Protein backbone atom coordinates (compact mmCIF):
# COMPACT_ATOMS: atom_id res chain seq x y z
CA GLY A 1 -80.73 -12.90 -17.79
CA GLU A 2 -81.35 -9.46 -16.33
CA LEU A 3 -78.81 -6.62 -16.72
CA VAL A 4 -78.47 -4.65 -13.38
CA ALA A 5 -76.76 -1.43 -13.04
CA ASP A 6 -74.82 -0.44 -9.73
CA PHE A 7 -71.64 1.18 -8.47
CA ASN A 8 -72.28 4.38 -10.46
CA SER A 9 -72.07 8.12 -9.65
CA TYR A 10 -74.78 10.52 -10.69
CA ALA A 11 -74.65 14.28 -10.73
CA GLY A 12 -78.37 14.40 -9.98
CA THR A 13 -80.99 12.18 -8.26
CA LEU A 14 -79.98 8.55 -7.57
CA PRO A 15 -82.15 5.88 -9.43
CA ALA A 16 -83.88 3.17 -7.36
CA GLY A 17 -82.36 -0.19 -7.11
CA GLU A 18 -78.63 0.86 -7.06
CA PRO A 19 -77.64 0.51 -3.34
CA ASN A 20 -73.98 1.18 -3.99
CA SER A 21 -74.28 4.05 -6.35
CA PHE A 22 -73.75 7.62 -4.96
CA ALA A 23 -74.20 11.29 -5.88
CA ALA A 24 -71.14 13.15 -6.96
CA HIS A 25 -70.34 15.74 -9.70
CA PRO A 26 -67.14 15.03 -11.68
CA GLU A 27 -64.79 17.98 -12.31
CA PHE A 28 -63.11 17.02 -15.54
CA ALA A 29 -59.61 18.18 -16.42
CA ALA A 30 -57.60 17.27 -19.67
CA ASP A 31 -57.87 13.80 -21.07
CA TYR A 32 -60.83 12.88 -18.97
CA THR A 33 -58.90 13.05 -15.72
CA LEU A 34 -60.62 14.21 -12.57
CA ARG A 35 -59.67 17.12 -10.41
CA ASN A 36 -61.79 15.62 -7.57
CA ALA A 37 -60.72 11.98 -8.20
CA ARG A 38 -60.52 11.16 -4.55
CA ILE A 39 -64.31 11.18 -4.36
CA PHE A 40 -64.48 8.41 -6.84
CA GLU A 41 -61.54 6.26 -5.63
CA GLY A 42 -62.40 2.82 -4.23
CA ARG A 43 -66.16 3.18 -4.66
CA GLY A 44 -66.58 0.94 -7.63
CA SER A 45 -66.94 -2.83 -7.90
CA ASP A 46 -64.08 -4.74 -6.30
CA ALA A 47 -62.99 -1.35 -4.68
CA MET A 48 -61.89 0.10 -7.96
CA PRO A 49 -62.69 3.78 -8.87
CA VAL A 50 -65.89 4.73 -10.39
CA GLY A 51 -65.37 6.17 -13.90
CA PRO A 52 -62.19 6.19 -15.97
CA TYR A 53 -58.91 5.40 -14.10
CA ARG A 54 -55.26 4.40 -14.56
CA ARG A 55 -52.52 2.91 -12.32
CA GLN A 56 -50.35 5.73 -10.81
CA ALA A 57 -48.31 6.30 -7.69
CA ARG A 58 -50.28 7.54 -4.64
CA ALA A 59 -50.17 11.35 -4.47
CA ILE A 60 -48.82 11.58 -0.89
CA PRO A 61 -45.59 13.22 0.41
CA MET A 62 -43.26 11.81 2.87
CA ARG A 63 -43.56 13.34 6.39
CA LEU A 64 -41.42 13.20 9.53
CA ASP A 65 -42.48 13.34 13.18
CA GLY A 66 -39.16 14.34 14.72
CA PRO A 67 -36.27 13.77 15.04
CA LYS A 68 -36.04 14.24 18.68
CA LEU A 69 -33.80 13.23 21.54
CA LEU A 70 -35.23 10.40 23.47
CA SER A 71 -32.56 10.07 26.10
CA GLY A 72 -28.86 10.16 26.66
CA SER A 73 -25.91 10.20 29.00
CA ALA A 74 -22.74 12.37 29.21
CA THR A 75 -21.31 10.56 26.21
CA THR A 76 -24.36 9.12 24.38
CA ALA A 77 -27.51 10.30 22.68
CA ASN A 78 -30.53 8.27 21.56
CA ILE A 79 -32.53 10.00 18.73
CA GLU A 80 -35.68 8.74 17.12
CA TRP A 81 -38.39 9.73 14.69
CA TRP A 82 -41.48 8.48 12.85
CA SER A 83 -42.49 8.69 9.14
CA ASN A 84 -45.61 7.97 7.24
CA LEU A 85 -43.58 5.76 4.90
CA PRO A 86 -41.09 3.11 5.65
CA GLY A 87 -37.84 5.08 4.99
CA ARG A 88 -34.00 4.88 5.05
CA GLY A 89 -31.53 7.65 4.94
CA ILE A 90 -28.89 9.50 6.96
CA LEU A 91 -28.70 11.19 10.42
CA PHE A 92 -26.33 14.07 10.21
CA TYR A 93 -24.90 15.53 13.49
CA GLY A 94 -21.93 17.58 14.68
CA GLU A 95 -20.76 20.33 16.91
CA ASN A 96 -22.11 23.03 14.65
CA GLN A 97 -25.18 23.55 12.33
CA ASP A 98 -23.25 22.11 9.44
CA CYS A 99 -23.79 18.66 10.92
CA GLY A 100 -20.70 17.24 9.31
CA LYS A 101 -20.79 13.70 10.79
CA ARG A 102 -23.23 11.05 9.58
CA VAL A 103 -24.84 7.75 10.46
CA GLU A 104 -26.84 5.83 7.87
CA PHE A 105 -30.00 3.90 8.70
CA LYS A 106 -30.41 1.23 6.01
CA ASN A 107 -33.37 -0.78 7.35
CA PRO A 108 -36.56 0.69 5.87
CA ASP A 109 -39.00 1.32 8.74
CA SER A 110 -41.57 3.85 9.83
CA PHE A 111 -39.89 4.17 13.17
CA GLN A 112 -36.21 4.79 13.40
CA ASN A 113 -33.95 5.07 16.54
CA LEU A 114 -30.23 5.77 16.14
CA SER A 115 -27.71 6.18 18.97
CA LEU A 116 -24.48 8.18 19.11
CA THR A 117 -21.62 7.27 21.26
CA GLY A 118 -18.29 8.82 22.21
CA LEU A 119 -19.75 12.27 22.70
CA THR A 120 -18.19 14.99 24.91
CA PRO A 121 -19.86 15.72 28.21
CA GLY A 122 -21.48 19.15 28.61
CA LYS A 123 -21.45 19.98 24.90
CA GLU A 124 -24.07 21.17 22.49
CA TYR A 125 -24.60 18.96 19.40
CA PHE A 126 -26.75 19.68 16.34
CA PHE A 127 -28.58 17.06 14.20
CA ARG A 128 -30.98 16.59 11.31
CA VAL A 129 -32.29 13.77 9.14
CA GLU A 130 -32.70 13.21 5.43
CA ALA A 131 -34.87 10.26 4.47
CA SER A 132 -36.50 8.73 1.50
CA GLY A 133 -39.26 6.02 1.02
CA SER A 134 -41.53 4.77 -1.72
CA VAL A 135 -45.20 4.92 -2.15
CA ARG A 136 -47.31 2.19 -3.71
CA ASP A 137 -49.20 2.44 -6.91
CA HIS A 138 -53.03 2.62 -6.80
CA PHE A 139 -55.76 3.13 -9.29
CA SER A 140 -56.93 6.67 -9.65
CA ASN A 141 -57.66 9.32 -12.17
CA THR A 142 -55.75 12.26 -10.74
CA PRO A 143 -54.58 14.73 -13.40
CA VAL A 144 -51.01 13.88 -14.45
CA ASP A 145 -49.62 17.45 -13.79
CA ALA A 146 -51.06 17.24 -10.08
CA ALA A 147 -49.53 13.90 -9.31
CA PRO A 148 -46.02 13.54 -8.03
CA LYS A 149 -43.70 11.99 -10.55
CA GLY A 150 -42.54 8.41 -9.80
CA ASN A 151 -42.81 6.48 -6.49
CA LEU A 152 -39.88 7.80 -4.64
CA ARG A 153 -40.45 10.48 -1.93
CA ARG A 154 -37.83 12.49 0.08
CA VAL A 155 -37.95 14.58 3.13
CA ALA A 156 -35.62 16.53 5.22
CA SER A 157 -35.90 17.74 8.81
CA PRO A 158 -34.74 21.14 10.24
CA VAL A 159 -31.52 21.22 12.25
CA ARG A 160 -32.19 20.59 16.00
CA SER A 161 -29.93 20.51 18.99
CA PHE A 162 -29.22 18.98 22.38
CA THR A 163 -26.59 19.32 25.09
CA THR A 164 -25.05 16.39 26.72
CA PRO A 165 -25.02 16.29 30.60
CA ALA A 166 -21.78 17.50 32.14
CA ALA A 167 -21.70 14.16 34.16
CA ASP A 168 -23.49 10.85 34.18
CA ARG A 169 -26.13 10.24 36.80
CA PRO A 170 -25.61 7.05 38.88
CA GLY A 171 -26.81 3.95 37.02
CA ARG A 172 -30.10 2.61 38.34
CA VAL A 173 -32.02 -0.62 38.07
CA TRP A 174 -35.44 -0.53 36.27
CA PHE A 175 -37.66 -3.34 37.60
CA VAL A 176 -40.25 -5.00 35.41
CA ALA A 177 -42.87 -7.59 36.50
CA PRO A 178 -46.18 -8.94 35.20
CA ASP A 179 -48.19 -7.28 38.04
CA GLY A 180 -46.46 -3.93 37.29
CA HIS A 181 -47.84 -0.94 35.44
CA ASP A 182 -45.99 1.18 32.82
CA ASP A 183 -47.20 4.36 34.59
CA GLN A 184 -45.24 3.45 37.64
CA PRO A 185 -41.63 4.53 38.27
CA GLY A 186 -39.94 1.11 37.82
CA THR A 187 -38.76 0.68 41.33
CA VAL A 188 -38.64 -2.66 43.14
CA ASP A 189 -42.01 -2.00 44.89
CA LYS A 190 -43.57 -0.21 41.88
CA PRO A 191 -42.30 -2.07 38.83
CA LEU A 192 -43.15 -1.47 35.14
CA ARG A 193 -45.35 -3.94 33.27
CA THR A 194 -43.39 -4.20 30.00
CA ILE A 195 -39.73 -4.59 29.06
CA SER A 196 -40.42 -2.01 26.33
CA ALA A 197 -41.30 0.61 28.86
CA ALA A 198 -38.03 0.05 30.65
CA SER A 199 -36.27 0.20 27.31
CA ALA A 200 -37.73 3.69 26.63
CA ASN A 201 -36.30 4.91 30.00
CA ALA A 202 -33.00 3.17 30.52
CA VAL A 203 -29.73 4.71 29.40
CA ALA A 204 -26.07 3.79 29.40
CA GLY A 205 -25.02 2.41 32.86
CA ASP A 206 -28.55 1.12 33.70
CA ILE A 207 -29.96 -2.36 34.35
CA VAL A 208 -33.43 -3.55 33.33
CA GLU A 209 -34.28 -6.52 35.69
CA VAL A 210 -37.25 -8.52 34.69
CA ALA A 211 -39.23 -10.73 37.09
CA ALA A 212 -40.48 -14.28 36.25
CA GLY A 213 -43.50 -14.44 33.84
CA THR A 214 -44.49 -14.41 30.18
CA TYR A 215 -44.04 -11.17 28.25
CA ARG A 216 -45.71 -10.81 24.82
CA GLU A 217 -43.88 -8.04 23.14
CA THR A 218 -41.23 -7.09 20.70
CA VAL A 219 -38.49 -5.07 22.69
CA ARG A 220 -36.93 -2.41 20.66
CA CYS A 221 -33.71 -1.48 22.44
CA ARG A 222 -33.93 2.38 22.27
CA ALA A 223 -30.79 3.38 24.05
CA THR A 224 -27.23 2.40 23.68
CA GLY A 225 -24.63 1.46 26.29
CA ASP A 226 -21.05 2.86 26.13
CA VAL A 227 -17.60 1.67 27.11
CA GLN A 228 -17.43 1.34 30.83
CA ARG A 229 -21.19 1.87 31.09
CA PRO A 230 -22.94 -1.03 29.42
CA LEU A 231 -26.81 -1.20 29.25
CA ILE A 232 -27.92 -4.65 30.61
CA PHE A 233 -31.32 -6.33 30.26
CA ARG A 234 -31.44 -9.50 32.53
CA ALA A 235 -33.78 -11.85 34.21
CA ALA A 236 -34.00 -11.65 37.89
CA PRO A 237 -31.95 -14.09 39.83
CA GLY A 238 -33.68 -17.56 39.55
CA ALA A 239 -36.54 -16.21 37.38
CA ARG A 240 -37.79 -17.86 34.29
CA VAL A 241 -38.56 -14.84 32.02
CA ARG A 242 -40.26 -15.93 28.70
CA LEU A 243 -40.72 -13.68 25.72
CA ASP A 244 -43.59 -15.33 23.82
CA GLY A 245 -44.30 -14.18 20.24
CA ASP A 246 -47.68 -16.16 20.28
CA ARG A 247 -46.94 -16.67 16.58
CA GLN A 248 -47.96 -13.02 15.95
CA LEU A 249 -44.69 -11.24 16.63
CA ARG A 250 -41.68 -11.42 14.37
CA PHE A 251 -38.93 -10.55 17.04
CA ALA A 252 -38.42 -10.81 20.71
CA PHE A 253 -35.47 -8.20 20.74
CA ARG A 254 -34.64 -5.73 17.98
CA ILE A 255 -31.30 -4.04 18.34
CA ILE A 256 -30.18 -1.54 15.64
CA ASN A 257 -27.23 0.85 15.75
CA LYS A 258 -26.49 0.15 19.37
CA ALA A 259 -23.39 -0.76 21.40
CA GLN A 260 -22.41 -2.30 24.72
CA LEU A 261 -25.68 -4.10 25.40
CA THR A 262 -26.18 -7.33 27.23
CA LEU A 263 -29.19 -9.69 27.15
CA ASP A 264 -29.04 -12.30 29.97
CA GLY A 265 -31.23 -15.10 31.01
CA PHE A 266 -34.15 -14.81 28.56
CA HIS A 267 -36.37 -17.67 27.23
CA ILE A 268 -37.76 -17.02 23.62
CA ARG A 269 -40.47 -18.99 21.89
CA GLU A 270 -43.29 -18.91 19.29
CA ILE A 271 -41.80 -16.26 17.09
CA LEU A 272 -43.48 -15.87 13.72
CA GLU A 273 -41.34 -16.73 10.76
CA LYS A 274 -41.96 -13.97 8.13
CA GLY A 275 -39.37 -11.79 6.30
CA ASP A 276 -36.35 -11.07 8.37
CA ALA A 277 -37.78 -12.40 11.59
CA ALA A 278 -35.57 -13.59 14.41
CA GLY A 279 -35.61 -14.22 18.11
CA VAL A 280 -32.95 -11.47 18.40
CA PHE A 281 -32.52 -9.22 15.38
CA LEU A 282 -29.13 -7.24 15.33
CA ASP A 283 -28.06 -4.75 12.78
CA ASN A 284 -24.96 -2.49 12.92
CA ALA A 285 -24.57 -3.22 16.62
CA ASP A 286 -21.19 -3.46 18.31
CA SER A 287 -20.11 -5.33 21.55
CA ILE A 288 -23.49 -7.13 22.07
CA ARG A 289 -23.50 -10.04 24.54
CA LEU A 290 -26.13 -12.68 24.69
CA THR A 291 -25.67 -14.84 27.77
CA ARG A 292 -27.71 -17.73 29.32
CA CYS A 293 -30.53 -17.33 26.78
CA PHE A 294 -32.74 -20.29 25.68
CA TYR A 295 -34.45 -20.36 22.32
CA ASP A 296 -37.23 -22.95 21.98
CA GLY A 297 -38.08 -23.67 18.39
CA ARG A 298 -41.04 -25.98 19.00
CA SER A 299 -44.18 -24.73 17.49
CA GLU A 300 -47.11 -25.66 15.20
CA GLY A 301 -45.25 -24.04 12.22
CA TYR A 302 -41.89 -22.83 11.12
CA THR A 303 -39.86 -20.73 13.50
CA PRO A 304 -37.18 -18.24 12.35
CA VAL A 305 -33.56 -18.16 13.50
CA PHE A 306 -32.61 -17.50 17.04
CA VAL A 307 -30.12 -14.68 16.13
CA ARG A 308 -29.99 -12.77 12.89
CA ALA A 309 -26.98 -10.41 12.98
CA ALA A 310 -25.41 -8.29 10.19
CA GLN A 311 -22.55 -5.74 10.44
CA CYS A 312 -22.10 -6.47 14.15
CA ARG A 313 -18.49 -6.11 15.59
CA GLY A 314 -17.54 -8.07 18.68
CA LEU A 315 -20.78 -10.00 19.05
CA MET A 316 -20.64 -12.62 21.90
CA LEU A 317 -22.91 -15.68 22.48
CA ASP A 318 -22.15 -17.38 25.72
CA ASN A 319 -23.91 -20.25 27.50
CA CYS A 320 -26.93 -20.21 25.21
CA VAL A 321 -29.19 -23.11 24.14
CA LEU A 322 -31.07 -23.54 20.84
CA THR A 323 -33.31 -26.53 20.49
CA ARG A 324 -35.69 -27.86 17.81
CA GLY A 325 -35.41 -24.75 15.65
CA PHE A 326 -36.16 -25.06 12.02
CA HIS A 327 -33.24 -22.57 11.53
CA GLY A 328 -30.49 -21.76 13.92
CA LEU A 329 -28.07 -18.73 13.80
CA GLU A 330 -27.31 -16.38 11.01
CA PHE A 331 -24.26 -14.13 11.02
CA ARG A 332 -23.23 -11.84 8.13
CA ASN A 333 -20.18 -9.57 8.28
CA CYS A 334 -19.66 -9.89 12.07
CA PRO A 335 -15.86 -9.57 12.73
CA GLY A 336 -14.81 -10.59 16.14
CA LEU A 337 -17.86 -12.91 16.53
CA GLU A 338 -17.39 -15.47 19.39
CA MET A 339 -19.70 -18.29 20.32
CA ARG A 340 -18.76 -20.35 23.18
CA ASN A 341 -20.12 -22.71 25.84
CA SER A 342 -23.51 -23.19 23.97
CA VAL A 343 -25.63 -26.10 22.95
CA LEU A 344 -27.53 -26.55 19.65
CA TYR A 345 -29.75 -29.56 19.94
CA ILE A 346 -32.24 -31.27 17.39
CA ASN A 347 -32.29 -28.42 14.91
CA GLN A 348 -34.22 -29.37 11.79
CA VAL A 349 -33.08 -27.46 8.78
CA ASN A 350 -29.72 -25.80 9.60
CA SER A 351 -27.82 -24.82 12.70
CA CYS A 352 -25.56 -21.99 11.74
CA ASN A 353 -24.89 -19.82 8.66
CA LEU A 354 -21.78 -17.59 8.68
CA TRP A 355 -21.05 -15.16 5.78
CA ASN A 356 -17.92 -13.22 6.87
CA GLU A 357 -15.38 -11.64 4.52
CA PRO A 358 -11.74 -12.77 4.55
CA GLY A 359 -10.11 -11.18 7.58
CA GLU A 360 -13.44 -11.07 9.54
CA LYS A 361 -12.48 -13.60 12.25
CA ALA A 362 -15.11 -15.60 14.00
CA THR A 363 -14.44 -18.09 16.90
CA PHE A 364 -16.52 -21.02 17.88
CA ARG A 365 -15.34 -22.98 20.89
CA ASN A 366 -16.53 -25.30 23.66
CA ASN A 367 -20.01 -25.73 21.99
CA ILE A 368 -22.13 -28.84 21.61
CA TRP A 369 -23.85 -29.50 18.27
CA VAL A 370 -25.87 -32.71 18.53
CA ASP A 371 -28.71 -34.69 16.94
CA ASN A 372 -29.46 -32.41 14.15
CA VAL A 373 -31.43 -33.65 11.19
CA PRO A 374 -28.97 -35.47 8.86
CA GLN A 375 -27.74 -33.65 5.77
CA LYS A 376 -29.43 -30.39 6.92
CA VAL A 377 -26.65 -29.02 9.12
CA GLY A 378 -25.31 -25.83 7.62
């Protein structure tokens, strides 16, 4: 056979017959490492580096865009930020720059949105974020003394501030319709196109009303409600509002660190089962109500749970229907959970998993559980 050379680097002229070779001058450091290793990364056969290399953590820092105040009311604040690495950490806040109060965010994500409740109207608050995330290993030949040690990266934001309004504005209705546009004001005659756009604008005391149609989106609830001023997402009267994951999206609604929210009248289908997927994902969320929601588990493949909830106090499911799901409902450490007047019909693997500690009371009443696959009802 013929021996063919390719995927090489040359300091001088490239030889003929090597279409994947390139011109580059290596700058050697100690132990045959390369000060300009990035030039050679990923350019060899099978996307490996050209020349000597080893497995090491990527030499990138963790960065934050934010945190910033998205929205708020006289008693609430919704703060969010982005990072280049999926991270977890702590939001510190308080009435002075020491930021003595704290809220943890435990779900590693590149986008985080945390909400504060029980604030004092007309008062200045200070806040900052400390976060950490991990980088993946890759193959390179960066000098050891130039590469960060280990895979963990940390970052801290400067202290920032906001002032709560002295009084709440009157609650308003944000209208959403398939023929709307997200540049419109969300009025009844000029509706928004996506529920997500309404979620980015609504605050405690508001209502998001969604017209009949199919919406292919994951709605991140980016604002919290508050006592006496809940935030409500609802289907318009008589409308069939369908959130269709198209077997591409892992969630219909994602609610983290929120309180006093209601989801009413939504049909959810074709959610992709992957990781912690769910029709409605809830984490550290208090006094959330799901009413008149329908989860259709029929699909060409497995579908995830209708509701996946953890550390949620006072969660209510009322008058909901779940049918033909491969998995049903999953509750973990949800004291005060109540499920009532609901139907679970022809579920195929399990219908409900509840992991509460002693003393974390849960109530199930006036529900119908029928025609589940024998011996697969949890």
